[in-house]
């Protein structure tokens, strides 16, 4: 375990830009929910949700600055989620 306290602090502009992107993606999701996209509707909404998750994980949870083991666990959980989603549809 690393005993050095290497906490990276993001600037306010990073949080504001991340928040604006999340608002924009949420608006796009709401607009697309009213449209009939056929069989692509689920794929598009899940893709937008995954993009939002990546923004939240990297910006607000600061996983970008974490140790490698945390990144590996997040990758394993994302792969497990994708496998569960694709096997249930």
Protein backbone atom coordinates (compact mmCIF):
# COMPACT_ATOMS: atom_id res chain seq x y z
CA UNK A 1 0.00 0.00 0.00
CA UNK A 2 1.25 3.44 -0.88
CA UNK A 3 1.76 5.55 2.25
CA UNK A 4 2.41 8.76 0.36
CA UNK A 5 -0.56 11.08 0.36
CA UNK A 6 -0.75 11.92 -3.35
CA UNK A 7 -4.27 13.28 -3.44
CA UNK A 8 -4.93 14.98 -6.73
CA UNK A 9 -7.33 17.87 -6.49
CA UNK A 10 -9.31 18.77 -9.57
CA UNK A 11 -10.14 22.37 -10.31
CA UNK A 12 -13.64 23.78 -10.17
CA UNK A 13 -13.70 24.09 -13.94
CA UNK A 14 -13.27 20.31 -14.25
CA UNK A 15 -16.33 19.73 -12.09
CA UNK A 16 -18.37 22.37 -13.92
CA UNK A 17 -17.48 20.95 -17.34
CA UNK A 18 -18.33 17.44 -16.17
CA UNK A 19 -21.64 18.68 -14.76
CA UNK A 20 -22.49 20.49 -18.02
CA UNK A 21 -21.74 17.35 -20.04
CA UNK A 22 -23.94 15.30 -17.71
CA UNK A 23 -26.77 17.81 -18.10
CA UNK A 24 -26.39 17.77 -21.88
CA UNK A 25 -26.39 13.96 -22.05
CA UNK A 26 -29.41 13.80 -19.75
CA UNK A 27 -31.23 16.26 -22.03
CA UNK A 28 -30.36 14.16 -25.08
CA UNK A 29 -31.62 11.04 -23.28
CA UNK A 30 -34.91 12.74 -22.42
CA UNK A 31 -35.36 14.01 -25.98
CA UNK A 32 -34.59 10.59 -27.46
CA UNK A 33 -36.99 8.86 -25.08
CA UNK A 34 -39.88 10.60 -26.80
CA UNK A 35 -38.79 9.40 -30.25
CA UNK A 36 -39.48 6.03 -31.79
CA UNK A 37 -36.06 4.67 -32.68
CA UNK A 38 -37.20 1.10 -33.17
CA UNK A 39 -34.76 -1.60 -32.22
CA UNK A 40 -31.94 0.93 -31.68
CA UNK A 41 -33.69 2.65 -28.78
CA UNK A 42 -32.23 0.39 -26.08
CA UNK A 43 -28.74 0.47 -27.58
CA UNK A 44 -28.68 4.28 -27.79
CA UNK A 45 -29.98 4.84 -24.26
CA UNK A 46 -27.55 2.30 -22.77
CA UNK A 47 -24.68 3.90 -24.67
CA UNK A 48 -25.60 7.32 -23.30
CA UNK A 49 -25.86 5.85 -19.79
CA UNK A 50 -22.42 4.26 -20.10
CA UNK A 51 -20.92 7.57 -21.23
CA UNK A 52 -22.52 9.28 -18.23
CA UNK A 53 -21.11 6.60 -15.92
CA UNK A 54 -17.62 7.09 -17.31
CA UNK A 55 -17.86 10.85 -16.74
CA UNK A 56 -19.06 10.34 -13.16
CA UNK A 57 -16.42 7.72 -12.36
CA UNK A 58 -13.51 9.70 -13.79
CA UNK A 59 -14.52 13.19 -12.69
CA UNK A 60 -16.40 12.94 -9.43
CA UNK A 61 -15.14 9.65 -7.98
CA UNK A 62 -11.52 10.44 -8.97
CA UNK A 63 -10.80 6.91 -10.16
CA UNK A 64 -8.58 8.43 -12.81
CA UNK A 65 -6.06 9.18 -10.05
CA UNK A 66 -6.54 5.92 -8.12
CA UNK A 67 -4.29 2.90 -7.93
CA UNK A 68 -4.35 0.24 -10.61
CA UNK A 69 -6.23 -2.31 -8.47
CA UNK A 70 -9.30 -0.05 -8.28
CA UNK A 71 -9.27 0.40 -12.05
CA UNK A 72 -9.06 -3.37 -12.51
CA UNK A 73 -12.05 -3.96 -10.21
CA UNK A 74 -14.11 -1.35 -12.06
CA UNK A 75 -13.17 -2.92 -15.39
CA UNK A 76 -14.18 -6.37 -14.15
CA UNK A 77 -17.52 -5.07 -12.88
CA UNK A 78 -18.21 -3.28 -16.18
CA UNK A 79 -17.41 -6.41 -18.18
CA UNK A 80 -19.70 -8.43 -15.90
CA UNK A 81 -22.50 -5.92 -16.41
CA UNK A 82 -22.08 -6.02 -20.18
CA UNK A 83 -22.17 -9.83 -20.18
CA UNK A 84 -25.32 -9.84 -18.05
CA UNK A 85 -27.01 -7.26 -20.31
CA UNK A 86 -26.17 -9.08 -23.54
CA UNK A 87 -27.17 -12.49 -22.26
CA UNK A 88 -30.55 -11.27 -20.98
CA UNK A 89 -31.72 -9.66 -24.25
